[in-house]
Amino acid sequence: MKLQRTLNPGFALLLLLPVADVAAGLLLFLLLSGGFLLQPGVAVKVPDSPFLLAPQHDPCVVSIIGEPIPAIYFDNRRTGIQEFGASLAAIHGNARTLIIKADRRAPVDLLVQVVNAAVTHGFSVVLATSDQP
């Protein structure tokens, strides 16, 4: 016995079904994605710590290098400890924060002299560190 089809699908139906599938997926994506975009995120409360530092506005930066000859760089020029103290005394205004970027091989006694000079002239001192070895 020979069976015959009662419905002959046309070529247009073969193109219409995938287009309708993509359109339905796009419509579903657009309807659901708006809810994800409007979420504010996760609220994080930072624990209280005496070591949290407020944002510094216009701080002074000093660099201390260790090798081959230990040196202090302040205001883009090399200075000695006496000139550094005089430069700090000449600074007036709200910039009363000093950020010290010390090289890993910088002598500790030079770092202590810079910190003492800054504290003597009324600066708060922040030591900048790096996780690089």
N, C-alpha and C. Protein backbone atom coordinates (compact mmCIF):
# COMPACT_ATOMS: atom_id res chain seq x y z
N MET A 1 0.84 -1.15 0.00
CA MET A 1 0.00 0.00 0.00
C MET A 1 0.90 1.23 0.00
N LYS A 2 0.56 2.18 -0.79
CA LYS A 2 1.34 3.40 -0.93
C LYS A 2 0.62 4.53 -0.21
N LEU A 3 1.38 5.18 0.74
CA LEU A 3 0.81 6.29 1.49
C LEU A 3 1.11 7.60 0.79
N GLN A 4 0.22 8.49 0.82
CA GLN A 4 0.42 9.79 0.21
C GLN A 4 0.20 10.88 1.25
N ARG A 5 0.95 11.95 1.06
CA ARG A 5 0.82 13.09 1.96
C ARG A 5 -0.43 13.89 1.62
N THR A 6 -1.00 14.35 2.69
CA THR A 6 -2.15 15.20 2.46
C THR A 6 -1.75 16.67 2.47
N LEU A 7 -0.57 17.02 3.10
CA LEU A 7 -0.13 18.39 3.17
C LEU A 7 1.24 18.48 2.52
N ASN A 8 1.39 19.34 1.58
CA ASN A 8 2.68 19.56 0.92
C ASN A 8 3.25 20.89 1.41
N PRO A 9 4.26 20.83 2.30
CA PRO A 9 4.82 22.10 2.79
C PRO A 9 5.55 22.81 1.66
N GLY A 10 5.41 24.09 1.62
CA GLY A 10 6.06 24.88 0.59
C GLY A 10 7.44 25.36 1.05
N PHE A 11 8.17 25.92 0.12
CA PHE A 11 9.52 26.40 0.42
C PHE A 11 9.46 27.60 1.37
N ALA A 12 8.45 28.40 1.30
CA ALA A 12 8.31 29.58 2.17
C ALA A 12 8.15 29.16 3.64
N LEU A 13 7.49 28.05 3.89
CA LEU A 13 7.30 27.58 5.25
C LEU A 13 8.63 27.14 5.86
N LEU A 14 9.53 26.59 5.07
CA LEU A 14 10.84 26.17 5.57
C LEU A 14 11.70 27.37 5.97
N LEU A 15 11.51 28.52 5.37
CA LEU A 15 12.25 29.72 5.75
C LEU A 15 11.57 30.49 6.88
N LEU A 16 10.26 30.39 6.95
CA LEU A 16 9.50 31.14 7.93
C LEU A 16 9.69 30.61 9.36
N LEU A 17 9.79 29.32 9.53
CA LEU A 17 9.92 28.74 10.86
C LEU A 17 11.23 29.14 11.56
N PRO A 18 12.40 29.07 10.94
CA PRO A 18 13.62 29.53 11.63
C PRO A 18 13.61 31.03 11.92
N VAL A 19 13.04 31.82 11.03
CA VAL A 19 12.97 33.26 11.27
C VAL A 19 12.05 33.54 12.46
N ALA A 20 10.95 32.85 12.56
CA ALA A 20 10.04 33.02 13.69
C ALA A 20 10.70 32.56 14.99
N ASP A 21 11.51 31.51 14.93
CA ASP A 21 12.21 31.03 16.12
C ASP A 21 13.22 32.06 16.61
N VAL A 22 14.00 32.65 15.71
CA VAL A 22 14.97 33.68 16.09
C VAL A 22 14.24 34.92 16.61
N ALA A 23 13.16 35.29 16.00
CA ALA A 23 12.41 36.47 16.45
C ALA A 23 11.83 36.23 17.84
N ALA A 24 11.32 35.04 18.12
CA ALA A 24 10.79 34.74 19.45
C ALA A 24 11.91 34.75 20.49
N GLY A 25 13.08 34.22 20.16
CA GLY A 25 14.21 34.25 21.09
C GLY A 25 14.68 35.66 21.36
N LEU A 26 14.73 36.49 20.33
CA LEU A 26 15.13 37.89 20.51
C LEU A 26 14.12 38.65 21.35
N LEU A 27 12.85 38.41 21.12
CA LEU A 27 11.81 39.06 21.90
C LEU A 27 11.88 38.64 23.37
N LEU A 28 12.11 37.36 23.63
CA LEU A 28 12.25 36.87 25.00
C LEU A 28 13.48 37.48 25.67
N PHE A 29 14.57 37.56 24.94
CA PHE A 29 15.79 38.17 25.49
C PHE A 29 15.57 39.64 25.84
N LEU A 30 14.93 40.39 24.96
CA LEU A 30 14.69 41.80 25.22
C LEU A 30 13.75 42.02 26.39
N LEU A 31 12.77 41.16 26.54
CA LEU A 31 11.84 41.30 27.66
C LEU A 31 12.50 40.98 29.00
N LEU A 32 13.38 40.01 29.03
CA LEU A 32 14.00 39.60 30.29
C LEU A 32 15.25 40.41 30.63
N SER A 33 15.96 40.93 29.66
CA SER A 33 17.23 41.60 29.94
C SER A 33 17.03 42.97 30.60
N GLY A 34 15.91 43.59 30.43
CA GLY A 34 15.67 44.89 31.06
C GLY A 34 15.68 44.80 32.57
N GLY A 35 15.19 43.73 33.12
CA GLY A 35 15.20 43.54 34.57
C GLY A 35 16.61 43.40 35.12
N PHE A 36 17.51 42.80 34.36
CA PHE A 36 18.88 42.65 34.83
C PHE A 36 19.65 43.96 34.77
N LEU A 37 19.34 44.79 33.80
CA LEU A 37 20.04 46.06 33.65
C LEU A 37 19.65 47.07 34.71
N LEU A 38 18.45 46.97 35.24
CA LEU A 38 17.97 47.94 36.19
C LEU A 38 18.33 47.59 37.64
N GLN A 39 18.98 46.46 37.86
CA GLN A 39 19.37 46.08 39.21
C GLN A 39 20.51 46.99 39.67
N PRO A 40 20.47 47.49 40.91
CA PRO A 40 21.49 48.42 41.37
C PRO A 40 22.82 47.75 41.69
N GLY A 41 22.86 46.47 41.88
CA GLY A 41 24.10 45.79 42.23
C GLY A 41 24.06 45.31 43.65
N VAL A 42 25.21 44.94 44.14
CA VAL A 42 25.31 44.39 45.49
C VAL A 42 25.84 45.47 46.41
N ALA A 43 25.16 45.72 47.51
CA ALA A 43 25.59 46.71 48.48
C ALA A 43 26.67 46.09 49.36
N VAL A 44 27.79 46.78 49.47
CA VAL A 44 28.90 46.31 50.29
C VAL A 44 29.18 47.36 51.34
N LYS A 45 29.22 46.94 52.60
CA LYS A 45 29.56 47.85 53.68
C LYS A 45 30.97 47.51 54.14
N VAL A 46 31.86 48.46 54.01
CA VAL A 46 33.25 48.27 54.40
C VAL A 46 33.32 48.34 55.92
N PRO A 47 34.00 47.38 56.55
CA PRO A 47 34.10 47.43 58.00
C PRO A 47 34.93 48.62 58.47
N ASP A 48 34.62 49.10 59.66
CA ASP A 48 35.35 50.23 60.21
C ASP A 48 36.78 49.80 60.54
N SER A 49 37.72 50.65 60.14
CA SER A 49 39.12 50.35 60.38
C SER A 49 39.87 51.66 60.59
N PRO A 50 40.81 51.68 61.51
CA PRO A 50 41.58 52.91 61.69
C PRO A 50 42.57 53.13 60.56
N PHE A 51 42.74 52.15 59.67
CA PHE A 51 43.73 52.26 58.61
C PHE A 51 43.14 52.70 57.28
N LEU A 52 41.81 52.93 57.24
CA LEU A 52 41.21 53.42 56.01
C LEU A 52 41.63 54.87 55.80
N LEU A 53 42.00 55.18 54.59
CA LEU A 53 42.52 56.50 54.25
C LEU A 53 41.49 57.24 53.40
N ALA A 54 41.18 58.44 53.80
CA ALA A 54 40.25 59.27 53.03
C ALA A 54 40.92 59.68 51.72
N PRO A 55 40.14 60.00 50.70
CA PRO A 55 40.74 60.45 49.44
C PRO A 55 41.60 61.70 49.64
N GLN A 56 42.77 61.68 49.06
CA GLN A 56 43.70 62.79 49.20
C GLN A 56 43.55 63.72 48.00
N HIS A 57 43.38 65.00 48.27
CA HIS A 57 43.23 65.98 47.20
C HIS A 57 44.51 66.79 47.10
N ASP A 58 45.15 66.71 45.95
CA ASP A 58 46.37 67.45 45.64
C ASP A 58 47.47 67.18 46.67
N PRO A 59 47.90 65.92 46.82
CA PRO A 59 48.97 65.63 47.77
C PRO A 59 50.34 65.92 47.14
N CYS A 60 51.33 66.08 47.99
CA CYS A 60 52.71 66.20 47.54
C CYS A 60 53.30 64.79 47.48
N VAL A 61 54.12 64.53 46.48
CA VAL A 61 54.69 63.20 46.30
C VAL A 61 56.21 63.31 46.32
N VAL A 62 56.85 62.46 47.10
CA VAL A 62 58.30 62.39 47.15
C VAL A 62 58.71 60.95 46.84
N SER A 63 59.76 60.80 46.04
CA SER A 63 60.27 59.48 45.68
C SER A 63 61.65 59.31 46.28
N ILE A 64 61.90 58.14 46.83
CA ILE A 64 63.20 57.82 47.39
C ILE A 64 63.73 56.59 46.65
N ILE A 65 64.91 56.71 46.05
CA ILE A 65 65.51 55.58 45.35
C ILE A 65 66.71 55.10 46.14
N GLY A 66 67.07 53.84 45.95
CA GLY A 66 68.13 53.25 46.75
C GLY A 66 69.44 53.05 46.03
N GLU A 67 69.42 52.48 44.86
CA GLU A 67 70.67 52.13 44.19
C GLU A 67 70.78 52.91 42.90
N PRO A 68 71.93 53.22 42.41
CA PRO A 68 73.27 53.00 42.98
C PRO A 68 73.61 54.01 44.08
N ILE A 69 73.04 55.22 44.02
CA ILE A 69 73.28 56.22 45.06
C ILE A 69 71.91 56.63 45.60
N PRO A 70 71.69 56.49 46.91
CA PRO A 70 70.39 56.89 47.47
C PRO A 70 70.11 58.37 47.23
N ALA A 71 68.86 58.65 46.83
CA ALA A 71 68.50 60.04 46.51
C ALA A 71 67.03 60.28 46.81
N ILE A 72 66.70 61.57 47.01
CA ILE A 72 65.33 62.01 47.24
C ILE A 72 64.93 62.87 46.05
N TYR A 73 63.76 62.58 45.47
CA TYR A 73 63.23 63.38 44.37
C TYR A 73 61.93 64.02 44.82
N PHE A 74 61.90 65.35 44.75
CA PHE A 74 60.71 66.11 45.15
C PHE A 74 60.53 67.24 44.15
N ASP A 75 59.31 67.45 43.69
CA ASP A 75 59.00 68.45 42.65
C ASP A 75 59.82 68.23 41.39
N ASN A 76 59.97 66.97 40.99
CA ASN A 76 60.69 66.58 39.77
C ASN A 76 62.15 67.00 39.75
N ARG A 77 62.75 67.11 40.90
CA ARG A 77 64.18 67.40 40.96
C ARG A 77 64.79 66.69 42.16
N ARG A 78 66.07 66.42 42.04
CA ARG A 78 66.79 65.73 43.10
C ARG A 78 67.17 66.72 44.19
N THR A 79 66.89 66.35 45.44
CA THR A 79 67.19 67.24 46.56
C THR A 79 67.87 66.45 47.66
N GLY A 80 68.53 67.18 48.54
CA GLY A 80 69.08 66.59 49.75
C GLY A 80 68.06 66.74 50.87
N ILE A 81 68.39 66.22 52.03
CA ILE A 81 67.43 66.27 53.13
C ILE A 81 67.21 67.69 53.64
N GLN A 82 68.26 68.55 53.61
CA GLN A 82 68.09 69.94 54.05
C GLN A 82 67.23 70.72 53.06
N GLU A 83 67.49 70.55 51.75
CA GLU A 83 66.68 71.24 50.73
C GLU A 83 65.24 70.73 50.75
N PHE A 84 65.07 69.45 51.07
CA PHE A 84 63.73 68.89 51.15
C PHE A 84 62.94 69.55 52.27
N GLY A 85 63.57 69.73 53.43
CA GLY A 85 62.90 70.40 54.54
C GLY A 85 62.53 71.83 54.21
N ALA A 86 63.43 72.54 53.51
CA ALA A 86 63.15 73.92 53.09
C ALA A 86 62.01 73.96 52.08
N SER A 87 61.95 72.97 51.18
CA SER A 87 60.85 72.91 50.20
C SER A 87 59.51 72.66 50.88
N LEU A 88 59.52 71.82 51.92
CA LEU A 88 58.28 71.57 52.66
C LEU A 88 57.84 72.80 53.43
N ALA A 89 58.79 73.55 53.96
CA ALA A 89 58.45 74.76 54.71
C ALA A 89 57.85 75.83 53.80
N ALA A 90 58.22 75.80 52.52
CA ALA A 90 57.73 76.81 51.57
C ALA A 90 56.32 76.50 51.07
N ILE A 91 55.83 75.30 51.31
CA ILE A 91 54.49 74.92 50.82
C ILE A 91 53.44 75.45 51.78
N HIS A 92 52.48 76.20 51.22
CA HIS A 92 51.37 76.72 52.01
C HIS A 92 50.08 76.28 51.34
N GLY A 93 49.03 76.19 52.08
CA GLY A 93 47.73 75.84 51.50
C GLY A 93 47.18 74.56 52.08
N ASN A 94 46.29 73.94 51.32
CA ASN A 94 45.59 72.75 51.80
C ASN A 94 46.36 71.46 51.55
N ALA A 95 47.40 71.51 50.76
CA ALA A 95 48.16 70.30 50.44
C ALA A 95 49.07 69.96 51.60
N ARG A 96 48.51 69.34 52.62
CA ARG A 96 49.29 69.00 53.80
C ARG A 96 49.46 67.49 53.93
N THR A 97 49.40 66.78 52.82
CA THR A 97 49.61 65.35 52.81
C THR A 97 50.82 65.04 51.93
N LEU A 98 51.69 64.20 52.43
CA LEU A 98 52.89 63.81 51.70
C LEU A 98 52.84 62.32 51.46
N ILE A 99 52.90 61.93 50.19
CA ILE A 99 52.93 60.52 49.82
C ILE A 99 54.38 60.17 49.50
N ILE A 100 54.90 59.17 50.18
CA ILE A 100 56.29 58.75 49.99
C ILE A 100 56.29 57.45 49.20
N LYS A 101 56.91 57.48 48.03
CA LYS A 101 57.11 56.28 47.23
C LYS A 101 58.57 55.89 47.36
N ALA A 102 58.84 54.88 48.13
CA ALA A 102 60.21 54.46 48.38
C ALA A 102 60.53 53.21 47.58
N ASP A 103 61.72 53.21 47.01
CA ASP A 103 62.22 52.04 46.31
C ASP A 103 62.43 50.92 47.32
N ARG A 104 62.41 49.71 46.84
CA ARG A 104 62.60 48.56 47.72
C ARG A 104 63.98 48.56 48.36
N ARG A 105 64.95 49.08 47.65
CA ARG A 105 66.32 49.09 48.15
C ARG A 105 66.71 50.43 48.77
N ALA A 106 65.73 51.27 49.03
CA ALA A 106 66.01 52.58 49.65
C ALA A 106 66.43 52.37 51.10
N PRO A 107 67.43 53.12 51.57
CA PRO A 107 67.85 52.97 52.96
C PRO A 107 66.75 53.42 53.93
N VAL A 108 66.58 52.66 54.98
CA VAL A 108 65.53 52.94 55.94
C VAL A 108 65.83 54.24 56.69
N ASP A 109 67.09 54.52 56.95
CA ASP A 109 67.41 55.76 57.68
C ASP A 109 67.06 56.99 56.85
N LEU A 110 67.22 56.92 55.53
CA LEU A 110 66.83 58.05 54.67
C LEU A 110 65.30 58.20 54.67
N LEU A 111 64.60 57.08 54.65
CA LEU A 111 63.13 57.12 54.72
C LEU A 111 62.67 57.73 56.04
N VAL A 112 63.31 57.38 57.14
CA VAL A 112 62.95 57.93 58.44
C VAL A 112 63.25 59.42 58.50
N GLN A 113 64.34 59.86 57.89
CA GLN A 113 64.66 61.29 57.86
C GLN A 113 63.60 62.07 57.09
N VAL A 114 63.14 61.51 55.98
CA VAL A 114 62.10 62.18 55.18
C VAL A 114 60.79 62.23 55.97
N VAL A 115 60.42 61.15 56.63
CA VAL A 115 59.19 61.13 57.43
C VAL A 115 59.29 62.13 58.57
N ASN A 116 60.44 62.20 59.24
CA ASN A 116 60.62 63.14 60.35
C ASN A 116 60.53 64.59 59.86
N ALA A 117 61.14 64.88 58.70
CA ALA A 117 61.07 66.24 58.16
C ALA A 117 59.63 66.61 57.82
N ALA A 118 58.88 65.66 57.26
CA ALA A 118 57.49 65.95 56.89
C ALA A 118 56.63 66.17 58.13
N VAL A 119 56.79 65.34 59.14
CA VAL A 119 55.99 65.48 60.35
C VAL A 119 56.36 66.76 61.08
N THR A 120 57.63 67.14 61.05
CA THR A 120 58.08 68.38 61.69
C THR A 120 57.42 69.60 61.06
N HIS A 121 57.18 69.55 59.74
CA HIS A 121 56.56 70.68 59.04
C HIS A 121 55.04 70.56 58.98
N GLY A 122 54.44 69.63 59.72
CA GLY A 122 52.99 69.56 59.82
C GLY A 122 52.30 68.76 58.73
N PHE A 123 53.00 67.88 58.06
CA PHE A 123 52.40 67.07 57.01
C PHE A 123 51.97 65.73 57.58
N SER A 124 50.87 65.20 57.04
CA SER A 124 50.54 63.81 57.33
C SER A 124 51.22 62.96 56.26
N VAL A 125 51.77 61.84 56.67
CA VAL A 125 52.61 61.03 55.78
C VAL A 125 51.89 59.74 55.44
N VAL A 126 51.93 59.41 54.13
CA VAL A 126 51.37 58.16 53.63
C VAL A 126 52.49 57.44 52.89
N LEU A 127 52.73 56.19 53.26
CA LEU A 127 53.73 55.39 52.56
C LEU A 127 53.05 54.59 51.47
N ALA A 128 53.47 54.82 50.23
CA ALA A 128 52.90 54.10 49.09
C ALA A 128 53.70 52.83 48.87
N THR A 129 53.00 51.72 48.75
CA THR A 129 53.67 50.44 48.56
C THR A 129 53.21 49.81 47.25
N SER A 130 53.91 48.77 46.86
CA SER A 130 53.57 48.05 45.65
C SER A 130 53.66 46.57 45.96
N ASP A 131 52.85 45.76 45.24
CA ASP A 131 52.91 44.33 45.47
C ASP A 131 53.96 43.67 44.59
N GLN A 132 54.68 44.45 43.82
CA GLN A 132 55.74 43.90 42.97
C GLN A 132 56.95 43.55 43.82
N PRO A 133 57.58 42.40 43.59
CA PRO A 133 58.76 42.04 44.38
C PRO A 133 59.97 42.84 44.01
